[in-house]
Amino acid sequence: MKEPAYRRSEPDARRRSLIEACMRVLGSEGAAGASVRAIAREAGVSPGLVNHYFDGVDALIAETYGEVDRTVRAHLAAAVEGAGSDPRARLEAFVTGSFTAPIADPRLLATWIAFWSLVAARPEIARQHDQHYAGFRQTLEALLADCGVAPAALRRTAIGVTALVDGLWLELCLSPDCFSAEEADGIARRFLDALISTGR
């Protein structure tokens, strides 16, 4: 007999609830406060249940990082898909997609800060960080190539655009009342105008 669907989904739902609790703890307490006990308390479960689903707090944090990365990727992919077939529109959608929810969110920033604080101390987090940004730049390079940027300039152009996006995103999250998503869009689009017009 097949296992009932609701029973099969219970472990996935429990894991998801623990990942969400870990996000909230990382955002409010930082990496130093993300203990099994704190995450269990946030999720309303026993510490033993955390260890049942994850091989310690490091594994849970790594999975949480992965989940945040997947959320960001899915949001940006949807933005690009919604822009249609025009290469410039797709590039702009990818770049400006970071300036809206769920990416431009002070709570997500707090979680990222916690992750970044672990990069130097935990090799597995450092690898995830490198993979995340490599994937972002790879997508960006493909979109820039479609807009006519020369192959020899793709890597450094993608790095420059990534730095611009990160800076604008950071400012939006830190000062949402002083700096708007529309302003970030305008700055990014003008920067892209200059890049595309020169092809480098």
C-alpha atoms as a PDB file:
ATOM      1  CA  MET A   1       0.000   0.000   0.000  1.00  0.00           C
ATOM      2  CA  LYS A   2       1.125   3.519  -0.731  1.00  0.00           C
ATOM      3  CA  GLU A   3       1.765   5.806   2.182  1.00  0.00           C
ATOM      4  CA  PRO A   4      -0.977   8.469   2.449  1.00  0.00           C
ATOM      5  CA  ALA A   5       0.045  11.748   0.828  1.00  0.00           C
ATOM      6  CA  TYR A   6      -0.557  13.733   3.982  1.00  0.00           C
ATOM      7  CA  ARG A   7       1.882  11.527   5.867  1.00  0.00           C
ATOM      8  CA  ARG A   8       4.566  11.897   3.198  1.00  0.00           C
ATOM      9  CA  SER A   9       4.217  15.678   3.281  1.00  0.00           C
ATOM     10  CA  GLU A  10       4.576  15.969   7.047  1.00  0.00           C
ATOM     11  CA  PRO A  11       8.423  15.651   7.119  1.00  0.00           C
ATOM     12  CA  ASP A  12       8.752  18.229   4.328  1.00  0.00           C
ATOM     13  CA  ALA A  13       6.427  20.626   6.134  1.00  0.00           C
ATOM     14  CA  ARG A  14       8.343  20.162   9.380  1.00  0.00           C
ATOM     15  CA  ARG A  15      11.692  20.756   7.674  1.00  0.00           C
ATOM     16  CA  ARG A  16      10.275  23.865   6.038  1.00  0.00           C
ATOM     17  CA  SER A  17       9.038  25.198   9.373  1.00  0.00           C
ATOM     18  CA  LEU A  18      12.487  24.689  10.903  1.00  0.00           C
ATOM     19  CA  ILE A  19      14.168  26.466   7.986  1.00  0.00           C
ATOM     20  CA  GLU A  20      11.766  29.404   8.359  1.00  0.00           C
ATOM     21  CA  ALA A  21      12.441  29.504  12.103  1.00  0.00           C
ATOM     22  CA  CYS A  22      16.186  29.488  11.391  1.00  0.00           C
ATOM     23  CA  MET A  23      15.738  32.448   9.013  1.00  0.00           C
ATOM     24  CA  ARG A  24      13.938  34.420  11.698  1.00  0.00           C
ATOM     25  CA  VAL A  25      16.542  33.621  14.351  1.00  0.00           C
ATOM     26  CA  LEU A  26      19.421  34.519  12.031  1.00  0.00           C
ATOM     27  CA  GLY A  27      17.679  37.781  11.214  1.00  0.00           C
ATOM     28  CA  SER A  28      16.976  38.752  14.808  1.00  0.00           C
ATOM     29  CA  GLU A  29      19.901  37.216  16.707  1.00  0.00           C
ATOM     30  CA  GLY A  30      22.628  36.873  14.104  1.00  0.00           C
ATOM     31  CA  ALA A  31      24.777  33.822  13.534  1.00  0.00           C
ATOM     32  CA  ALA A  32      25.990  33.788  17.129  1.00  0.00           C
ATOM     33  CA  GLY A  33      22.439  33.393  18.406  1.00  0.00           C
ATOM     34  CA  ALA A  34      21.418  30.656  15.979  1.00  0.00           C
ATOM     35  CA  SER A  35      21.621  27.677  18.309  1.00  0.00           C
ATOM     36  CA  VAL A  36      19.545  24.520  18.133  1.00  0.00           C
ATOM     37  CA  ARG A  37      17.732  25.590  21.291  1.00  0.00           C
ATOM     38  CA  ALA A  38      16.932  29.073  19.949  1.00  0.00           C
ATOM     39  CA  ILE A  39      15.677  27.741  16.623  1.00  0.00           C
ATOM     40  CA  ALA A  40      13.606  25.047  18.338  1.00  0.00           C
ATOM     41  CA  ARG A  41      12.063  27.665  20.617  1.00  0.00           C
ATOM     42  CA  GLU A  42      11.235  29.863  17.618  1.00  0.00           C
ATOM     43  CA  ALA A  43       9.641  26.912  15.807  1.00  0.00           C
ATOM     44  CA  GLY A  44       7.771  25.773  18.920  1.00  0.00           C
ATOM     45  CA  VAL A  45       9.338  22.313  18.949  1.00  0.00           C
ATOM     46  CA  SER A  46      11.838  20.403  21.055  1.00  0.00           C
ATOM     47  CA  PRO A  47      15.582  20.663  20.332  1.00  0.00           C
ATOM     48  CA  GLY A  48      15.568  16.942  19.652  1.00  0.00           C
ATOM     49  CA  LEU A  49      13.274  17.457  16.684  1.00  0.00           C
ATOM     50  CA  VAL A  50      15.747  19.878  15.093  1.00  0.00           C
ATOM     51  CA  ASN A  51      18.462  17.252  15.363  1.00  0.00           C
ATOM     52  CA  HIS A  52      16.072  14.632  14.004  1.00  0.00           C
ATOM     53  CA  TYR A  53      15.681  16.512  10.725  1.00  0.00           C
ATOM     54  CA  PHE A  54      19.134  18.106  10.480  1.00  0.00           C
ATOM     55  CA  ASP A  55      22.607  16.940  11.425  1.00  0.00           C
ATOM     56  CA  GLY A  56      23.161  19.818  13.846  1.00  0.00           C
ATOM     57  CA  VAL A  57      22.757  23.564  13.595  1.00  0.00           C
ATOM     58  CA  ASP A  58      25.453  23.972  10.920  1.00  0.00           C
ATOM     59  CA  ALA A  59      23.517  21.708   8.546  1.00  0.00           C
ATOM     60  CA  LEU A  60      20.318  23.633   9.240  1.00  0.00           C
ATOM     61  CA  ILE A  61      22.016  26.973   8.572  1.00  0.00           C
ATOM     62  CA  ALA A  62      23.499  25.632   5.325  1.00  0.00           C
ATOM     63  CA  GLU A  63      20.079  24.430   4.204  1.00  0.00           C
ATOM     64  CA  THR A  64      18.579  27.777   5.168  1.00  0.00           C
ATOM     65  CA  TYR A  65      21.176  29.563   3.039  1.00  0.00           C
ATOM     66  CA  GLY A  66      20.234  27.270   0.170  1.00  0.00           C
ATOM     67  CA  GLU A  67      16.556  28.047   0.627  1.00  0.00           C
ATOM     68  CA  VAL A  68      17.167  31.802   0.600  1.00  0.00           C
ATOM     69  CA  ASP A  69      19.251  31.392  -2.556  1.00  0.00           C
ATOM     70  CA  ARG A  70      16.457  29.409  -4.231  1.00  0.00           C
ATOM     71  CA  THR A  71      13.921  32.082  -3.293  1.00  0.00           C
ATOM     72  CA  VAL A  72      16.072  34.820  -4.821  1.00  0.00           C
ATOM     73  CA  ARG A  73      16.710  32.792  -7.984  1.00  0.00           C
ATOM     74  CA  ALA A  74      13.017  32.002  -8.434  1.00  0.00           C
ATOM     75  CA  HIS A  75      12.010  35.647  -8.007  1.00  0.00           C
ATOM     76  CA  LEU A  76      14.555  36.868 -10.547  1.00  0.00           C
ATOM     77  CA  ALA A  77      13.726  34.084 -13.004  1.00  0.00           C
ATOM     78  CA  ALA A  78      10.051  35.024 -12.819  1.00  0.00           C
ATOM     79  CA  ALA A  79      10.924  38.676 -13.419  1.00  0.00           C
ATOM     80  CA  VAL A  80      12.954  37.791 -16.515  1.00  0.00           C
ATOM     81  CA  GLU A  81      10.256  35.468 -17.826  1.00  0.00           C
ATOM     82  CA  GLY A  82       7.630  38.154 -17.322  1.00  0.00           C
ATOM     83  CA  ALA A  83       9.660  40.635 -19.367  1.00  0.00           C
ATOM     84  CA  GLY A  84       9.011  38.796 -22.619  1.00  0.00           C
ATOM     85  CA  SER A  85      11.514  38.123 -25.387  1.00  0.00           C
ATOM     86  CA  ASP A  86      13.233  41.505 -25.776  1.00  0.00           C
ATOM     87  CA  PRO A  87      16.856  41.072 -24.593  1.00  0.00           C
ATOM     88  CA  ARG A  88      17.127  44.550 -23.073  1.00  0.00           C
ATOM     89  CA  ALA A  89      13.839  44.183 -21.204  1.00  0.00           C
ATOM     90  CA  ARG A  90      14.983  40.811 -19.822  1.00  0.00           C
ATOM     91  CA  LEU A  91      18.291  42.267 -18.657  1.00  0.00           C
ATOM     92  CA  GLU A  92      16.576  45.194 -16.953  1.00  0.00           C
ATOM     93  CA  ALA A  93      14.057  42.855 -15.290  1.00  0.00           C
ATOM     94  CA  PHE A  94      16.869  40.749 -13.865  1.00  0.00           C
ATOM     95  CA  VAL A  95      18.816  43.756 -12.592  1.00  0.00           C
ATOM     96  CA  THR A  96      15.861  45.647 -11.107  1.00  0.00           C
ATOM     97  CA  GLY A  97      14.223  42.516  -9.701  1.00  0.00           C
ATOM     98  CA  SER A  98      16.443  42.858  -6.620  1.00  0.00           C
ATOM     99  CA  PHE A  99      14.792  46.170  -5.746  1.00  0.00           C
ATOM    100  CA  THR A 100      11.386  44.708  -4.922  1.00  0.00           C
ATOM    101  CA  ALA A 101      10.025  42.232  -2.373  1.00  0.00           C
ATOM    102  CA  PRO A 102      10.855  39.590  -1.387  1.00  0.00           C
ATOM    103  CA  ILE A 103      14.504  40.485  -2.112  1.00  0.00           C
ATOM    104  CA  ALA A 104      14.453  44.135  -1.019  1.00  0.00           C
ATOM    105  CA  ASP A 105      13.414  43.411   2.548  1.00  0.00           C
ATOM    106  CA  PRO A 106      15.250  44.511   5.726  1.00  0.00           C
ATOM    107  CA  ARG A 107      14.501  41.111   7.254  1.00  0.00           C
ATOM    108  CA  LEU A 108      16.203  39.345   4.369  1.00  0.00           C
ATOM    109  CA  LEU A 109      19.162  41.716   4.693  1.00  0.00           C
ATOM    110  CA  ALA A 110      19.541  40.753   8.344  1.00  0.00           C
ATOM    111  CA  THR A 111      19.582  37.091   7.347  1.00  0.00           C
ATOM    112  CA  TRP A 112      22.189  37.727   4.634  1.00  0.00           C
ATOM    113  CA  ILE A 113      24.387  39.598   7.114  1.00  0.00           C
ATOM    114  CA  ALA A 114      24.311  36.536   9.356  1.00  0.00           C
ATOM    115  CA  PHE A 115      25.312  34.334   6.424  1.00  0.00           C
ATOM    116  CA  TRP A 116      28.117  36.685   5.401  1.00  0.00           C
ATOM    117  CA  SER A 117      29.496  36.639   8.939  1.00  0.00           C
ATOM    118  CA  LEU A 118      29.951  32.875   8.574  1.00  0.00           C
ATOM    119  CA  VAL A 119      31.775  32.911   5.230  1.00  0.00           C
ATOM    120  CA  ALA A 120      35.247  33.285   6.738  1.00  0.00           C
ATOM    121  CA  ALA A 121      34.622  30.762   9.523  1.00  0.00           C
ATOM    122  CA  ARG A 122      32.739  27.955   7.783  1.00  0.00           C
ATOM    123  CA  PRO A 123      34.053  26.524   4.507  1.00  0.00           C
ATOM    124  CA  GLU A 124      30.675  25.058   3.540  1.00  0.00           C
ATOM    125  CA  ILE A 125      29.031  28.485   3.821  1.00  0.00           C
ATOM    126  CA  ALA A 126      31.909  30.018   1.845  1.00  0.00           C
ATOM    127  CA  ARG A 127      31.310  27.453  -0.914  1.00  0.00           C
ATOM    128  CA  GLN A 128      27.607  28.257  -0.969  1.00  0.00           C
ATOM    129  CA  HIS A 129      28.385  31.961  -1.116  1.00  0.00           C
ATOM    130  CA  ASP A 130      30.711  31.444  -4.088  1.00  0.00           C
ATOM    131  CA  GLN A 131      28.145  29.255  -5.843  1.00  0.00           C
ATOM    132  CA  HIS A 132      25.364  31.784  -5.266  1.00  0.00           C
ATOM    133  CA  TYR A 133      27.284  34.685  -6.747  1.00  0.00           C
ATOM    134  CA  ALA A 134      28.720  32.573  -9.564  1.00  0.00           C
ATOM    135  CA  GLY A 135      25.199  31.578 -10.571  1.00  0.00           C
ATOM    136  CA  PHE A 136      24.020  35.197 -10.431  1.00  0.00           C
ATOM    137  CA  ARG A 137      26.923  36.377 -12.597  1.00  0.00           C
ATOM    138  CA  GLN A 138      26.505  33.498 -15.043  1.00  0.00           C
ATOM    139  CA  THR A 139      22.883  34.452 -15.672  1.00  0.00           C
ATOM    140  CA  LEU A 140      23.839  38.105 -15.916  1.00  0.00           C
ATOM    141  CA  GLU A 141      26.610  37.351 -18.432  1.00  0.00           C
ATOM    142  CA  ALA A 142      24.135  35.505 -20.656  1.00  0.00           C
ATOM    143  CA  LEU A 143      21.680  38.408 -20.532  1.00  0.00           C
ATOM    144  CA  LEU A 144      24.444  40.925 -21.261  1.00  0.00           C
ATOM    145  CA  ALA A 145      25.662  38.825 -24.203  1.00  0.00           C
ATOM    146  CA  ASP A 146      22.141  38.859 -25.642  1.00  0.00           C
ATOM    147  CA  CYS A 147      22.303  42.668 -25.497  1.00  0.00           C
ATOM    148  CA  GLY A 148      25.517  42.805 -27.500  1.00  0.00           C
ATOM    149  CA  VAL A 149      28.209  43.117 -24.850  1.00  0.00           C
ATOM    150  CA  ALA A 150      31.467  41.766 -26.255  1.00  0.00           C
ATOM    151  CA  PRO A 151      32.494  38.296 -25.021  1.00  0.00           C
ATOM    152  CA  ALA A 152      35.836  39.577 -23.727  1.00  0.00           C
ATOM    153  CA  ALA A 153      34.026  42.135 -21.557  1.00  0.00           C
ATOM    154  CA  LEU A 154      31.281  39.925 -20.154  1.00  0.00           C
ATOM    155  CA  ARG A 155      32.973  38.841 -16.935  1.00  0.00           C
ATOM    156  CA  ARG A 156      34.112  42.252 -15.743  1.00  0.00           C
ATOM    157  CA  THR A 157      30.851  43.868 -16.871  1.00  0.00           C
ATOM    158  CA  ALA A 158      28.824  41.316 -14.911  1.00  0.00           C
ATOM    159  CA  ILE A 159      30.989  41.921 -11.849  1.00  0.00           C
ATOM    160  CA  GLY A 160      30.408  45.671 -12.160  1.00  0.00           C
ATOM    161  CA  VAL A 161      26.648  45.297 -12.557  1.00  0.00           C
ATOM    162  CA  THR A 162      26.544  42.884  -9.617  1.00  0.00           C
ATOM    163  CA  ALA A 163      28.357  45.415  -7.429  1.00  0.00           C
ATOM    164  CA  LEU A 164      25.897  48.123  -8.485  1.00  0.00           C
ATOM    165  CA  VAL A 165      22.903  45.900  -7.740  1.00  0.00           C
ATOM    166  CA  ASP A 166      24.285  44.896  -4.339  1.00  0.00           C
ATOM    167  CA  GLY A 167      24.952  48.514  -3.401  1.00  0.00           C
ATOM    168  CA  LEU A 168      21.513  49.752  -4.412  1.00  0.00           C
ATOM    169  CA  TRP A 169      19.825  46.760  -2.765  1.00  0.00           C
ATOM    170  CA  LEU A 170      21.751  47.372   0.449  1.00  0.00           C
ATOM    171  CA  GLU A 171      20.743  51.037   0.515  1.00  0.00           C
ATOM    172  CA  LEU A 172      17.095  50.163  -0.122  1.00  0.00           C
ATOM    173  CA  CYS A 173      17.076  47.691   2.761  1.00  0.00           C
ATOM    174  CA  LEU A 174      18.898  50.029   5.148  1.00  0.00           C
ATOM    175  CA  SER A 175      17.075  53.264   4.269  1.00  0.00           C
ATOM    176  CA  PRO A 176      13.722  52.393   2.667  1.00  0.00           C
ATOM    177  CA  ASP A 177      12.229  55.756   3.680  1.00  0.00           C
ATOM    178  CA  CYS A 178      15.072  57.758   2.140  1.00  0.00           C
ATOM    179  CA  PHE A 179      15.653  55.875  -1.085  1.00  0.00           C
ATOM    180  CA  SER A 180      12.991  54.315  -3.322  1.00  0.00           C
ATOM    181  CA  ALA A 181      12.872  51.320  -5.609  1.00  0.00           C
ATOM    182  CA  GLU A 182      12.009  53.704  -8.451  1.00  0.00           C
ATOM    183  CA  GLU A 183      15.224  55.643  -7.837  1.00  0.00           C
ATOM    184  CA  ALA A 184      17.202  52.398  -7.769  1.00  0.00           C
ATOM    185  CA  ASP A 185      15.563  51.358 -11.053  1.00  0.00           C
ATOM    186  CA  GLY A 186      16.483  54.674 -12.664  1.00  0.00           C
ATOM    187  CA  ILE A 187      20.097  54.525 -11.562  1.00  0.00           C
ATOM    188  CA  ALA A 188      20.466  50.930 -12.740  1.00  0.00           C
ATOM    189  CA  ARG A 189      18.844  51.601 -16.110  1.00  0.00           C
ATOM    190  CA  ARG A 190      21.100  54.600 -16.778  1.00  0.00           C
ATOM    191  CA  PHE A 191      24.114  52.467 -15.901  1.00  0.00           C
ATOM    192  CA  LEU A 192      22.924  49.768 -18.307  1.00  0.00           C
ATOM    193  CA  ASP A 193      22.388  52.431 -21.008  1.00  0.00           C
ATOM    194  CA  ALA A 194      26.053  53.338 -20.772  1.00  0.00           C
ATOM    195  CA  LEU A 195      27.163  49.717 -20.845  1.00  0.00           C
ATOM    196  CA  ILE A 196      25.035  48.670 -23.786  1.00  0.00           C
ATOM    197  CA  SER A 197      25.846  51.744 -25.846  1.00  0.00           C
ATOM    198  CA  THR A 198      29.580  51.073 -25.601  1.00  0.00           C
ATOM    199  CA  GLY A 199      29.330  47.280 -25.633  1.00  0.00           C
ATOM    200  CA  ARG A 200      31.780  47.043 -22.746  1.00  0.00           C
END
